[in-house]
Protein backbone atom coordinates (compact mmCIF):
# COMPACT_ATOMS: atom_id res chain seq x y z
CA UNK A 1 -11.02 -16.54 7.72
CA UNK A 2 -7.76 -14.95 8.66
CA UNK A 3 -8.18 -12.87 11.82
CA UNK A 4 -4.68 -12.02 12.41
CA UNK A 5 -4.89 -8.45 11.08
CA UNK A 6 -1.11 -7.85 11.17
CA UNK A 7 -0.70 -10.70 8.66
CA UNK A 8 -3.51 -9.32 6.42
CA UNK A 9 -1.76 -6.12 6.01
CA UNK A 10 1.98 -5.74 6.43
CA UNK A 11 4.51 -3.28 4.79
CA UNK A 12 8.11 -2.20 4.88
CA UNK A 13 9.51 0.90 3.22
CA UNK A 14 13.05 2.31 3.01
CA UNK A 15 13.28 5.76 2.06
CA UNK A 16 14.36 9.53 2.70
CA UNK A 17 12.29 12.15 4.71
CA UNK A 18 11.31 14.82 2.25
CA UNK A 19 9.04 17.03 4.37
CA UNK A 20 8.23 18.38 7.72
CA UNK A 21 5.66 16.50 9.92
CA UNK A 22 2.28 18.17 10.04
CA UNK A 23 -0.62 17.53 12.52
CA UNK A 24 -3.18 15.03 11.27
CA UNK A 25 -5.46 14.22 14.24
CA UNK A 26 -5.84 13.33 17.77
CA UNK A 27 -7.42 10.24 19.42
CA UNK A 28 -7.71 9.94 23.17
CA UNK A 29 -5.06 12.37 23.84
CA UNK A 30 -2.61 10.80 21.35
CA UNK A 31 -1.59 13.04 18.51
CA UNK A 32 -0.76 11.73 14.94
CA UNK A 33 1.21 13.47 12.33
CA UNK A 34 1.87 12.99 8.62
CA UNK A 35 5.22 13.38 6.77
CA UNK A 36 6.42 12.38 3.20
CA UNK A 37 8.89 9.58 2.53
CA UNK A 38 10.70 9.42 -0.87
CA UNK A 39 11.20 5.71 -1.84
CA UNK A 40 13.29 4.80 -4.94
CA UNK A 41 12.09 2.30 -7.53
CA UNK A 42 14.46 0.09 -9.60
CA UNK A 43 14.18 2.67 -12.28
CA UNK A 44 15.33 6.18 -11.83
CA UNK A 45 12.06 7.29 -10.52
CA UNK A 46 10.88 7.61 -7.13
CA UNK A 47 7.51 7.51 -5.10
CA UNK A 48 6.55 10.03 -2.54
CA UNK A 49 4.36 8.12 0.20
CA UNK A 50 2.49 9.90 3.05
CA UNK A 51 3.23 8.31 6.41
CA UNK A 52 0.99 8.70 9.38
CA UNK A 53 2.63 8.11 12.67
CA UNK A 54 1.88 8.56 16.32
CA UNK A 55 3.84 11.18 18.46
CA UNK A 56 4.74 8.29 20.91
CA UNK A 57 7.16 6.58 18.47
CA UNK A 58 8.83 9.67 17.02
CA UNK A 59 11.06 12.68 17.63
CA UNK A 60 12.21 15.64 15.65
CA UNK A 61 15.66 14.28 15.35
CA UNK A 62 14.41 11.10 13.67
CA UNK A 63 12.17 12.86 11.33
CA UNK A 64 14.89 15.40 10.16
CA UNK A 65 14.59 16.10 6.33
CA UNK A 66 17.09 14.03 4.50
CA UNK A 67 17.20 11.15 7.11
CA UNK A 68 16.96 7.63 5.66
CA UNK A 69 14.31 5.62 7.61
CA UNK A 70 12.95 1.99 7.66
CA UNK A 71 9.02 2.24 8.22
CA UNK A 72 7.15 -0.78 9.06
CA UNK A 73 3.30 -0.72 9.31
CA UNK A 74 0.28 -1.04 7.20
CA UNK A 75 -1.32 0.43 4.19
CA UNK A 76 -4.71 1.94 5.16
CA UNK A 77 -7.63 3.97 3.76
CA UNK A 78 -10.20 6.39 5.14
CA UNK A 79 -12.95 8.56 3.72
CA UNK A 80 -12.66 12.23 3.35
CA UNK A 81 -15.80 13.98 2.71
CA UNK A 82 -15.54 17.09 0.41
CA UNK A 83 -19.04 18.80 0.39
CA UNK A 84 -21.51 16.04 -0.78
CA UNK A 85 -18.67 13.78 -2.20
CA UNK A 86 -16.74 11.06 -0.60
CA UNK A 87 -13.02 10.66 -1.39
CA UNK A 88 -10.86 7.59 -0.54
CA UNK A 89 -7.57 8.76 1.09
CA UNK A 90 -4.47 6.30 1.37
CA UNK A 91 -1.74 6.46 3.78
CA UNK A 92 1.02 4.24 5.33
CA UNK A 93 0.11 3.81 9.15
CA UNK A 94 3.61 3.42 10.75
CA UNK A 95 4.00 1.05 13.55
CA UNK A 96 7.70 1.18 13.90
CA UNK A 97 10.20 3.63 12.52
CA UNK A 98 14.03 3.55 12.95
CA UNK A 99 17.07 5.11 11.19
CA UNK A 100 18.39 2.83 8.40
CA UNK A 101 21.87 3.15 9.83
CA UNK A 102 20.53 1.60 12.87
CA UNK A 103 19.17 -1.56 11.34
CA UNK A 104 20.77 -4.72 12.59
CA UNK A 105 18.33 -7.43 12.19
CA UNK A 106 19.86 -10.75 11.53
CA UNK A 107 18.66 -14.00 9.76
CA UNK A 108 18.99 -17.46 11.16
CA UNK A 109 22.56 -17.75 9.98
CA UNK A 110 23.57 -14.55 11.79
CA UNK A 111 23.80 -12.50 8.73
CA UNK A 112 22.21 -9.00 8.26
CA UNK A 113 18.72 -9.36 6.66
CA UNK A 114 18.40 -7.75 3.39
CA UNK A 115 15.37 -5.46 3.31
CA UNK A 116 13.24 -4.73 0.11
CA UNK A 117 12.92 -1.07 0.02
CA UNK A 118 9.19 -1.13 -0.82
CA UNK A 119 7.09 -4.14 -0.13
CA UNK A 120 3.47 -4.79 1.02
CA UNK A 121 1.55 -7.93 1.57
CA UNK A 122 -2.22 -7.76 1.55
CA UNK A 123 -4.89 -10.41 2.10
CA UNK A 124 -8.34 -9.30 1.40
CA UNK A 125 -11.57 -9.68 -0.74
CA UNK A 126 -12.25 -8.31 -4.14
CA UNK A 127 -15.05 -5.89 -3.61
CA UNK A 128 -15.69 -4.53 -7.21
CA UNK A 129 -15.48 -6.28 -10.58
CA UNK A 130 -11.93 -5.88 -11.72
CA UNK A 131 -11.50 -3.62 -14.66
CA UNK A 132 -9.29 -5.16 -17.48
CA UNK A 133 -7.82 -3.00 -20.47
CA UNK A 134 -4.86 -2.91 -22.65
CA UNK A 135 -2.68 0.05 -23.12
CA UNK A 136 -2.01 1.55 -26.65
CA UNK A 137 1.20 -0.60 -26.65
CA UNK A 138 -0.69 -3.75 -25.80
CA UNK A 139 0.21 -4.12 -22.19
CA UNK A 140 -2.46 -5.72 -20.17
CA UNK A 141 -3.75 -3.96 -16.98
CA UNK A 142 -6.47 -4.85 -14.39
CA UNK A 143 -7.70 -2.50 -11.74
CA UNK A 144 -8.69 -4.10 -8.43
CA UNK A 145 -10.25 -2.73 -5.29
CA UNK A 146 -9.28 -4.96 -2.32
CA UNK A 147 -11.09 -4.85 1.08
CA UNK A 148 -8.67 -5.82 3.83
CA UNK A 149 -10.17 -6.60 7.11
CA UNK A 150 -8.85 -4.49 10.10
CA UNK A 151 -9.68 -4.91 13.90
CA UNK A 152 -12.84 -3.48 15.38
CA UNK A 153 -14.95 -4.48 12.22
CA UNK A 154 -13.17 -1.94 10.30
CA UNK A 155 -11.77 -2.46 6.55
CA UNK A 156 -9.21 -0.75 4.37
CA UNK A 157 -10.16 -0.36 0.72
CA UNK A 158 -6.95 -0.53 -1.29
CA UNK A 159 -6.69 0.13 -5.09
CA UNK A 160 -4.34 -2.34 -6.89
CA UNK A 161 -3.02 -2.88 -10.34
CA UNK A 162 -2.24 -6.15 -11.88
CA UNK A 163 -0.11 -6.59 -15.08
CA UNK A 164 0.36 -9.11 -17.87
CA UNK A 165 -0.88 -12.55 -16.84
CA UNK A 166 -2.08 -11.45 -13.48
CA UNK A 167 -4.27 -8.81 -15.16
CA UNK A 168 -5.67 -11.38 -17.48
CA UNK A 169 -6.28 -13.82 -14.75
CA UNK A 170 -7.81 -11.35 -12.49
CA UNK A 171 -10.52 -10.01 -15.05
CA UNK A 172 -12.64 -13.14 -14.34
CA UNK A 173 -12.41 -13.31 -10.69
CA UNK A 174 -15.83 -12.68 -9.00
CA UNK A 175 -16.48 -10.20 -6.29
CA UNK A 176 -16.02 -11.69 -2.95
CA UNK A 177 -12.96 -13.72 -3.95
CA UNK A 178 -10.31 -13.80 -1.26
CA UNK A 179 -6.68 -13.10 -2.44
CA UNK A 180 -3.24 -12.49 -1.21
CA UNK A 181 -1.18 -9.90 -3.08
CA UNK A 182 2.39 -8.96 -2.76
CA UNK A 183 3.67 -5.69 -4.30
CA UNK A 184 4.72 -2.24 -3.84
CA UNK A 185 3.16 1.13 -3.12
CA UNK A 186 3.41 3.50 -5.80
CA UNK A 187 2.28 7.08 -6.40
CA UNK A 188 1.22 8.76 -9.63
CA UNK A 189 -0.29 12.15 -10.57
CA UNK A 190 -3.35 12.72 -12.42
CA UNK A 191 -5.72 15.71 -13.49
CA UNK A 192 -9.06 15.98 -11.80
CA UNK A 193 -11.45 17.72 -14.10
CA UNK A 194 -14.45 19.59 -12.86
CA UNK A 195 -17.79 20.34 -14.61
CA UNK A 196 -16.84 24.22 -14.91
CA UNK A 197 -13.81 23.27 -17.06
CA UNK A 198 -11.34 23.76 -14.39
CA UNK A 199 -8.80 20.96 -13.23
CA UNK A 200 -6.68 20.01 -10.25
CA UNK A 201 -3.46 18.04 -10.15
CA UNK A 202 -3.94 15.22 -7.67
CA UNK A 203 -1.76 12.33 -6.51
CA UNK A 204 -3.12 8.78 -6.32
CA UNK A 205 -1.66 5.90 -4.37
CA UNK A 206 -2.08 2.20 -5.01
CA UNK A 207 -0.44 -1.23 -4.96
CA UNK A 208 1.32 -2.39 -8.10
CA UNK A 209 1.06 -6.28 -7.91
CA UNK A 210 4.02 -8.54 -8.18
CA UNK A 211 2.53 -11.65 -7.24
CA UNK A 212 -1.23 -12.81 -6.57
CA UNK A 213 -2.62 -15.80 -4.97
CA UNK A 214 -6.36 -16.84 -4.71
CA UNK A 215 -6.94 -18.19 -1.12
CA UNK A 216 -8.72 -21.43 -1.25
CA UNK A 217 -10.43 -22.35 2.12
CA UNK A 218 -11.58 -25.84 0.85
CA UNK A 219 -8.97 -28.20 2.37
CA UNK A 220 -10.11 -30.99 -0.24
CA UNK A 221 -9.40 -28.83 -3.34
CA UNK A 222 -6.26 -28.44 -5.34
CA UNK A 223 -3.57 -26.09 -4.58
CA UNK A 224 -4.28 -22.43 -4.80
CA UNK A 225 -3.86 -20.52 -7.91
CA UNK A 226 -0.78 -18.52 -7.83
CA UNK A 227 0.74 -16.25 -10.48
CA UNK A 228 3.96 -14.11 -10.19
CA UNK A 229 4.56 -11.47 -12.72
CA UNK A 230 8.05 -11.50 -14.12
CA UNK A 231 9.36 -8.58 -16.02
C-alpha cells in the first residue's frame, strides 16, 4: 500500500482570484481562510473552486481579486453536519501559492515547464459500487466515490465521474479496488429539493476523470489495466 500521502493526492490549479478571503477555522493558533479561484476550461466555461489556505503562506497582496495564481495542494473532503444530516464538503487544501508571473520552474533541459491549468492525481479505493448510466444522447457516465488515504488515519472521499470507455469499465469494478485517476476538478450547480416543496441552488465539486489505472499489487500478474479517455 502506498503510504506517501503526497503522492496519493496531488493537485495543481492556475486561475484568477474572484473573492475576498473569509475565515474558515483555527487549529493550534494557526488560522485558515477560504477564497474562490476561477479556473478556465478548454471550452469557454470556467470552474469556481474554493481554496483553503493557512495564514502562514499568504498575504493580502497575494490574494488581491484579479490576481492570477498557481496553487499546489490536495483535493480534500470533510463532513458538515446540518441538523441531523451529514453533508460532504469538498475543498482544495493549498500547500503552496505563488503569482503566475513569478513561476520560473525549469525542466531538465533548462526550458520553462508548462503547467496544466487544472490537474489532479488521486490514488485511492472505490468505496461504493460505481453507478453507470447513459445520457439521453447516449453518452456513457459512471459515478465513483474514491477513498484517498491521508496521514493520521484520515481519508478524503472524492466524488469522481468517468466517461465513455472508462465509465463502461468502471461499472464492474468491485468495492475496495485500488485505482489511480488523473483528471480535473470541476464545479457544477444543482437544485436541492426539500420535502416542503422548496428548493436551494447548490454547487457540487468532483473530479472529471481523464485517465484511470487499476493498481495491481501482485507482482506476478500482468500489467495494470489502464484506460485513457480521449475526446
